[in-house]
Amino acid sequence: MNGMDRKTKALIALVPVVLVVMVAMYAVSANAQSYVRPTLAQTSFQLPQNFAGGYANGPILRKGSLMQPSNRLVQTAGFTVGQTFTVTSTQGRWRALGVQGQNGTASGTITFTVTGKFSKGYSLSISGNFALNGVGSYTISSGSAQMGPFGQALSGQGVSSGGPFLIQAQAYGNFAGAQASVSLDFTQGTTEYAVTLRGSVQG
């Protein structure tokens, strides 16, 4: 009996603990079920005062920010008909296409003259001369090119005393700046040469 009494007393002592745990679990469950997620209108969140009209009217743009480029980045070149700019090389290279080991230094002075101004860019004429060290020197007899409205790059074609050529030029900024590179795809007889000139711009 004494053994049974001890076990019974132990069980009776656990009853209040079990009841407390059950009540606590019930309270947590009831609170979870009664929780209602607040809507945006019920929260205290407020839009900043400089939020003009919300995203329906577009985000706020500030001049010069990444979202709205500054005027400096979107201005056209502003060249006029008759204006010229000349690229004078300070370094240059040539290589014969398809012929291994044939290459050397190159030089040249290429002048571009604006012949037309349009909403989408400019037309130009090409004159000047270039030389391939170890191959020959050539004078451009005629040529024409097209340039975009920002004056940063152009492409065209022409004829030199050595043969026809294709031309591309890229300015660092635009051709009113200080540096540019010119690439010529030049054919003399059966040999085609790739020519690259880099130098200063005057005009």
C-alpha atoms as a PDB file:
ATOM      1  CA  MET A   1       0.000   0.000   0.000  1.00  0.00           C
ATOM      2  CA  ASN A   2       2.791   2.334   0.832  1.00  0.00           C
ATOM      3  CA  GLY A   3       4.236   1.731  -2.653  1.00  0.00           C
ATOM      4  CA  MET A   4       0.912   2.411  -4.304  1.00  0.00           C
ATOM      5  CA  ASP A   5       0.427   5.502  -2.192  1.00  0.00           C
ATOM      6  CA  ARG A   6       3.740   6.929  -3.326  1.00  0.00           C
ATOM      7  CA  LYS A   7       2.913   6.372  -7.018  1.00  0.00           C
ATOM      8  CA  THR A   8      -0.551   7.819  -6.599  1.00  0.00           C
ATOM      9  CA  LYS A   9       0.806  10.873  -4.846  1.00  0.00           C
ATOM     10  CA  ALA A  10       3.338  11.387  -7.633  1.00  0.00           C
ATOM     11  CA  LEU A  11       0.634  11.237 -10.322  1.00  0.00           C
ATOM     12  CA  ILE A  12      -1.597  13.592  -8.363  1.00  0.00           C
ATOM     13  CA  ALA A  13       1.315  16.023  -8.067  1.00  0.00           C
ATOM     14  CA  LEU A  14       1.743  16.060 -11.902  1.00  0.00           C
ATOM     15  CA  VAL A  15      -1.896  16.929 -12.598  1.00  0.00           C
ATOM     16  CA  PRO A  16      -1.551  20.722 -11.953  1.00  0.00           C
ATOM     17  CA  VAL A  17       1.527  20.896 -14.215  1.00  0.00           C
ATOM     18  CA  VAL A  18      -0.295  19.171 -17.096  1.00  0.00           C
ATOM     19  CA  LEU A  19      -3.271  21.477 -16.681  1.00  0.00           C
ATOM     20  CA  VAL A  20      -1.060  24.585 -16.801  1.00  0.00           C
ATOM     21  CA  VAL A  21       0.638  23.395 -20.007  1.00  0.00           C
ATOM     22  CA  MET A  22      -2.711  22.630 -21.679  1.00  0.00           C
ATOM     23  CA  VAL A  23      -4.120  26.058 -20.767  1.00  0.00           C
ATOM     24  CA  ALA A  24      -1.026  27.811 -22.153  1.00  0.00           C
ATOM     25  CA  MET A  25      -1.196  25.876 -25.452  1.00  0.00           C
ATOM     26  CA  TYR A  26      -4.887  26.688 -25.820  1.00  0.00           C
ATOM     27  CA  ALA A  27      -4.218  30.418 -25.267  1.00  0.00           C
ATOM     28  CA  VAL A  28      -1.481  30.487 -27.947  1.00  0.00           C
ATOM     29  CA  SER A  29      -3.730  28.669 -30.440  1.00  0.00           C
ATOM     30  CA  ALA A  30      -6.627  31.051 -29.796  1.00  0.00           C
ATOM     31  CA  ASN A  31      -4.447  34.127 -30.334  1.00  0.00           C
ATOM     32  CA  ALA A  32      -3.076  32.748 -33.596  1.00  0.00           C
ATOM     33  CA  GLN A  33      -6.556  32.070 -34.965  1.00  0.00           C
ATOM     34  CA  SER A  34      -7.865  35.498 -34.038  1.00  0.00           C
ATOM     35  CA  TYR A  35      -4.885  37.383 -35.619  1.00  0.00           C
ATOM     36  CA  VAL A  36      -5.835  39.433 -38.710  1.00  0.00           C
ATOM     37  CA  ARG A  37      -3.046  40.764 -40.924  1.00  0.00           C
ATOM     38  CA  PRO A  38      -3.391  44.574 -41.118  1.00  0.00           C
ATOM     39  CA  THR A  39      -3.983  46.125 -44.516  1.00  0.00           C
ATOM     40  CA  LEU A  40      -1.831  48.900 -45.932  1.00  0.00           C
ATOM     41  CA  ALA A  41      -4.531  51.406 -44.986  1.00  0.00           C
ATOM     42  CA  GLN A  42      -4.394  50.244 -41.337  1.00  0.00           C
ATOM     43  CA  THR A  43      -0.653  50.640 -40.976  1.00  0.00           C
ATOM     44  CA  SER A  44       1.156  53.795 -39.958  1.00  0.00           C
ATOM     45  CA  PHE A  45       3.415  53.706 -43.032  1.00  0.00           C
ATOM     46  CA  GLN A  46       3.508  57.026 -44.895  1.00  0.00           C
ATOM     47  CA  LEU A  47       5.042  57.872 -48.229  1.00  0.00           C
ATOM     48  CA  PRO A  48       7.754  60.547 -48.210  1.00  0.00           C
ATOM     49  CA  GLN A  49       6.609  64.095 -48.834  1.00  0.00           C
ATOM     50  CA  ASN A  50       8.537  64.348 -52.113  1.00  0.00           C
ATOM     51  CA  PHE A  51       6.782  61.295 -53.533  1.00  0.00           C
ATOM     52  CA  ALA A  52       4.767  63.149 -56.159  1.00  0.00           C
ATOM     53  CA  GLY A  53       1.741  61.150 -57.119  1.00  0.00           C
ATOM     54  CA  GLY A  54       3.077  57.630 -56.527  1.00  0.00           C
ATOM     55  CA  TYR A  55       4.495  55.172 -59.012  1.00  0.00           C
ATOM     56  CA  ALA A  56       1.404  55.417 -61.178  1.00  0.00           C
ATOM     57  CA  ASN A  57       2.789  58.748 -62.338  1.00  0.00           C
ATOM     58  CA  GLY A  58       6.342  57.439 -62.543  1.00  0.00           C
ATOM     59  CA  PRO A  59       9.213  57.687 -60.086  1.00  0.00           C
ATOM     60  CA  ILE A  60      10.774  61.016 -59.286  1.00  0.00           C
ATOM     61  CA  LEU A  61      13.638  61.784 -61.674  1.00  0.00           C
ATOM     62  CA  ARG A  62      16.435  64.087 -60.781  1.00  0.00           C
ATOM     63  CA  LYS A  63      18.584  65.719 -63.406  1.00  0.00           C
ATOM     64  CA  GLY A  64      21.950  64.023 -63.609  1.00  0.00           C
ATOM     65  CA  SER A  65      20.829  60.858 -61.812  1.00  0.00           C
ATOM     66  CA  LEU A  66      21.286  57.363 -63.206  1.00  0.00           C
ATOM     67  CA  MET A  67      17.560  57.264 -64.005  1.00  0.00           C
ATOM     68  CA  GLN A  68      17.711  60.434 -66.065  1.00  0.00           C
ATOM     69  CA  PRO A  69      21.006  61.082 -67.905  1.00  0.00           C
ATOM     70  CA  SER A  70      22.402  64.569 -67.698  1.00  0.00           C
ATOM     71  CA  ASN A  71      22.204  66.834 -70.721  1.00  0.00           C
ATOM     72  CA  ARG A  72      25.898  66.335 -71.307  1.00  0.00           C
ATOM     73  CA  LEU A  73      25.271  62.688 -72.191  1.00  0.00           C
ATOM     74  CA  VAL A  74      22.443  63.291 -74.648  1.00  0.00           C
ATOM     75  CA  GLN A  75      23.544  66.420 -76.499  1.00  0.00           C
ATOM     76  CA  THR A  76      24.137  66.093 -80.226  1.00  0.00           C
ATOM     77  CA  ALA A  77      27.520  66.978 -81.642  1.00  0.00           C
ATOM     78  CA  GLY A  78      26.385  70.279 -83.190  1.00  0.00           C
ATOM     79  CA  PHE A  79      28.632  70.131 -86.260  1.00  0.00           C
ATOM     80  CA  THR A  80      27.868  72.477 -89.159  1.00  0.00           C
ATOM     81  CA  VAL A  81      28.101  71.954 -92.900  1.00  0.00           C
ATOM     82  CA  GLY A  82      31.609  72.793 -94.064  1.00  0.00           C
ATOM     83  CA  GLN A  83      33.200  72.043 -90.701  1.00  0.00           C
ATOM     84  CA  THR A  84      36.298  69.828 -90.837  1.00  0.00           C
ATOM     85  CA  PHE A  85      38.164  67.697 -88.336  1.00  0.00           C
ATOM     86  CA  THR A  86      41.489  65.986 -88.989  1.00  0.00           C
ATOM     87  CA  VAL A  87      42.921  62.901 -87.322  1.00  0.00           C
ATOM     88  CA  THR A  88      46.730  62.948 -87.305  1.00  0.00           C
ATOM     89  CA  SER A  89      48.264  59.674 -86.198  1.00  0.00           C
ATOM     90  CA  THR A  90      50.760  59.427 -83.382  1.00  0.00           C
ATOM     91  CA  GLN A  91      50.906  55.643 -83.692  1.00  0.00           C
ATOM     92  CA  GLY A  92      49.726  53.103 -86.235  1.00  0.00           C
ATOM     93  CA  ARG A  93      50.031  49.505 -87.420  1.00  0.00           C
ATOM     94  CA  TRP A  94      49.277  47.531 -90.561  1.00  0.00           C
ATOM     95  CA  ARG A  95      49.089  43.816 -91.386  1.00  0.00           C
ATOM     96  CA  ALA A  96      48.438  41.884 -94.569  1.00  0.00           C
ATOM     97  CA  LEU A  97      45.310  39.765 -94.203  1.00  0.00           C
ATOM     98  CA  GLY A  98      45.867  36.079 -94.857  1.00  0.00           C
ATOM     99  CA  VAL A  99      49.646  36.492 -95.125  1.00  0.00           C
ATOM    100  CA  GLN A 100      51.485  35.402 -91.997  1.00  0.00           C
ATOM    101  CA  GLY A 101      54.278  37.621 -90.751  1.00  0.00           C
ATOM    102  CA  GLN A 102      53.619  40.618 -93.016  1.00  0.00           C
ATOM    103  CA  ASN A 103      53.015  43.641 -90.787  1.00  0.00           C
ATOM    104  CA  GLY A 104      54.570  46.917 -89.791  1.00  0.00           C
ATOM    105  CA  THR A 105      54.034  50.465 -88.640  1.00  0.00           C
ATOM    106  CA  ALA A 106      51.658  52.930 -90.302  1.00  0.00           C
ATOM    107  CA  SER A 107      50.964  56.646 -90.240  1.00  0.00           C
ATOM    108  CA  GLY A 108      48.479  59.022 -91.786  1.00  0.00           C
ATOM    109  CA  THR A 109      46.480  62.224 -91.733  1.00  0.00           C
ATOM    110  CA  ILE A 110      42.775  61.812 -92.492  1.00  0.00           C
ATOM    111  CA  THR A 111      40.442  64.805 -92.870  1.00  0.00           C
ATOM    112  CA  PHE A 112      36.649  64.598 -92.672  1.00  0.00           C
ATOM    113  CA  THR A 113      34.457  67.443 -93.952  1.00  0.00           C
ATOM    114  CA  VAL A 114      30.786  67.737 -93.025  1.00  0.00           C
ATOM    115  CA  THR A 115      28.758  67.866 -96.256  1.00  0.00           C
ATOM    116  CA  GLY A 116      25.252  67.423 -94.813  1.00  0.00           C
ATOM    117  CA  LYS A 117      23.444  67.715 -91.494  1.00  0.00           C
ATOM    118  CA  PHE A 118      20.334  65.620 -90.785  1.00  0.00           C
ATOM    119  CA  SER A 119      18.122  64.708 -87.847  1.00  0.00           C
ATOM    120  CA  LYS A 120      19.819  61.303 -87.622  1.00  0.00           C
ATOM    121  CA  GLY A 121      23.395  62.410 -88.197  1.00  0.00           C
ATOM    122  CA  TYR A 122      25.844  63.789 -90.729  1.00  0.00           C
ATOM    123  CA  SER A 123      27.306  63.014 -94.150  1.00  0.00           C
ATOM    124  CA  LEU A 124      30.995  63.628 -94.718  1.00  0.00           C
ATOM    125  CA  SER A 125      33.663  63.618 -97.393  1.00  0.00           C
ATOM    126  CA  ILE A 126      37.116  62.112 -96.835  1.00  0.00           C
ATOM    127  CA  SER A 127      40.540  63.339 -97.904  1.00  0.00           C
ATOM    128  CA  GLY A 128      44.142  62.953 -96.756  1.00  0.00           C
ATOM    129  CA  ASN A 129      46.903  60.395 -97.003  1.00  0.00           C
ATOM    130  CA  PHE A 130      48.328  57.363 -95.242  1.00  0.00           C
ATOM    131  CA  ALA A 131      51.503  55.313 -95.417  1.00  0.00           C
ATOM    132  CA  LEU A 132      52.325  51.682 -94.707  1.00  0.00           C
ATOM    133  CA  ASN A 133      55.970  51.409 -93.771  1.00  0.00           C
ATOM    134  CA  GLY A 134      57.650  48.957 -96.149  1.00  0.00           C
ATOM    135  CA  VAL A 135      54.685  48.927 -98.545  1.00  0.00           C
ATOM    136  CA  GLY A 136      53.977  52.453 -99.823  1.00  0.00           C
ATOM    137  CA  SER A 137      52.357  55.870 -99.378  1.00  0.00           C
ATOM    138  CA  TYR A 138      48.890  56.680-100.667  1.00  0.00           C
ATOM    139  CA  THR A 139      46.693  59.716-101.232  1.00  0.00           C
ATOM    140  CA  ILE A 140      42.928  59.569-100.806  1.00  0.00           C
ATOM    141  CA  SER A 141      41.346  60.777-104.028  1.00  0.00           C
ATOM    142  CA  SER A 142      37.707  60.527-102.920  1.00  0.00           C
ATOM    143  CA  GLY A 143      35.599  59.161-100.125  1.00  0.00           C
ATOM    144  CA  SER A 144      32.370  59.548 -98.192  1.00  0.00           C
ATOM    145  CA  ALA A 145      31.138  58.565 -94.743  1.00  0.00           C
ATOM    146  CA  GLN A 146      28.171  58.738 -92.397  1.00  0.00           C
ATOM    147  CA  MET A 147      28.271  59.786 -88.737  1.00  0.00           C
ATOM    148  CA  GLY A 148      25.619  59.555 -86.023  1.00  0.00           C
ATOM    149  CA  PRO A 149      24.085  62.620 -84.318  1.00  0.00           C
ATOM    150  CA  PHE A 150      26.423  62.408 -81.301  1.00  0.00           C
ATOM    151  CA  GLY A 151      29.580  62.604 -83.414  1.00  0.00           C
ATOM    152  CA  GLN A 152      31.233  59.625 -81.779  1.00  0.00           C
ATOM    153  CA  ALA A 153      31.679  57.175 -84.664  1.00  0.00           C
ATOM    154  CA  LEU A 154      31.578  57.084 -88.441  1.00  0.00           C
ATOM    155  CA  SER A 155      31.950  54.622 -91.293  1.00  0.00           C
ATOM    156  CA  GLY A 156      32.361  54.937 -95.044  1.00  0.00           C
ATOM    157  CA  GLN A 157      34.382  54.059 -98.094  1.00  0.00           C
ATOM    158  CA  GLY A 158      36.677  55.661-100.630  1.00  0.00           C
ATOM    159  CA  VAL A 159      39.384  55.317-103.231  1.00  0.00           C
ATOM    160  CA  SER A 160      43.098  55.997-102.799  1.00  0.00           C
ATOM    161  CA  SER A 161      46.015  56.096-105.209  1.00  0.00           C
ATOM    162  CA  GLY A 162      46.732  52.504-104.171  1.00  0.00           C
ATOM    163  CA  GLY A 163      43.212  51.141-104.358  1.00  0.00           C
ATOM    164  CA  PRO A 164      39.784  51.167-102.685  1.00  0.00           C
ATOM    165  CA  PHE A 165      39.230  51.149 -98.930  1.00  0.00           C
ATOM    166  CA  LEU A 166      36.601  50.900 -96.232  1.00  0.00           C
ATOM    167  CA  ILE A 167      36.974  53.180 -93.232  1.00  0.00           C
ATOM    168  CA  GLN A 168      35.718  53.351 -89.666  1.00  0.00           C
ATOM    169  CA  ALA A 169      36.600  55.928 -87.025  1.00  0.00           C
ATOM    170  CA  GLN A 170      35.881  56.191 -83.315  1.00  0.00           C
ATOM    171  CA  ALA A 171      36.352  59.314 -81.210  1.00  0.00           C
ATOM    172  CA  TYR A 172      37.023  59.362 -77.477  1.00  0.00           C
ATOM    173  CA  GLY A 173      34.045  61.580 -76.638  1.00  0.00           C
ATOM    174  CA  ASN A 174      33.252  63.012 -80.071  1.00  0.00           C
ATOM    175  CA  PHE A 175      35.241  64.336 -83.005  1.00  0.00           C
ATOM    176  CA  ALA A 176      35.332  67.762 -81.397  1.00  0.00           C
ATOM    177  CA  GLY A 177      37.525  66.132 -78.732  1.00  0.00           C
ATOM    178  CA  ALA A 178      41.225  65.420 -78.563  1.00  0.00           C
ATOM    179  CA  GLN A 179      41.726  61.733 -79.490  1.00  0.00           C
ATOM    180  CA  ALA A 180      40.410  59.293 -82.090  1.00  0.00           C
ATOM    181  CA  SER A 181      41.256  56.057 -83.879  1.00  0.00           C
ATOM    182  CA  VAL A 182      40.816  55.255 -87.584  1.00  0.00           C
ATOM    183  CA  SER A 183      40.627  51.770 -89.124  1.00  0.00           C
ATOM    184  CA  LEU A 184      41.137  51.171 -92.846  1.00  0.00           C
ATOM    185  CA  ASP A 185      40.421  47.999 -94.801  1.00  0.00           C
ATOM    186  CA  PHE A 186      42.639  48.755 -97.805  1.00  0.00           C
ATOM    187  CA  THR A 187      43.111  46.669-100.950  1.00  0.00           C
ATOM    188  CA  GLN A 188      46.079  47.008-103.289  1.00  0.00           C
ATOM    189  CA  GLY A 189      46.081  44.559-106.160  1.00  0.00           C
ATOM    190  CA  THR A 190      45.373  41.139-104.674  1.00  0.00           C
ATOM    191  CA  THR A 191      46.525  42.019-101.145  1.00  0.00           C
ATOM    192  CA  GLU A 192      44.211  43.314 -98.456  1.00  0.00           C
ATOM    193  CA  TYR A 193      45.602  45.311 -95.540  1.00  0.00           C
ATOM    194  CA  ALA A 194      44.147  46.100 -92.152  1.00  0.00           C
ATOM    195  CA  VAL A 195      45.395  49.505 -90.998  1.00  0.00           C
ATOM    196  CA  THR A 196      44.873  51.120 -87.591  1.00  0.00           C
ATOM    197  CA  LEU A 197      45.784  54.737 -86.846  1.00  0.00           C
ATOM    198  CA  ARG A 198      45.467  56.435 -83.458  1.00  0.00           C
ATOM    199  CA  GLY A 199      46.111  60.079 -82.753  1.00  0.00           C
ATOM    200  CA  SER A 200      44.950  63.587 -82.079  1.00  0.00           C
ATOM    201  CA  VAL A 201      41.954  65.403 -83.563  1.00  0.00           C
ATOM    202  CA  GLN A 202      42.068  68.970 -84.832  1.00  0.00           C
ATOM    203  CA  GLY A 203      39.107  70.907 -86.092  1.00  0.00           C
END
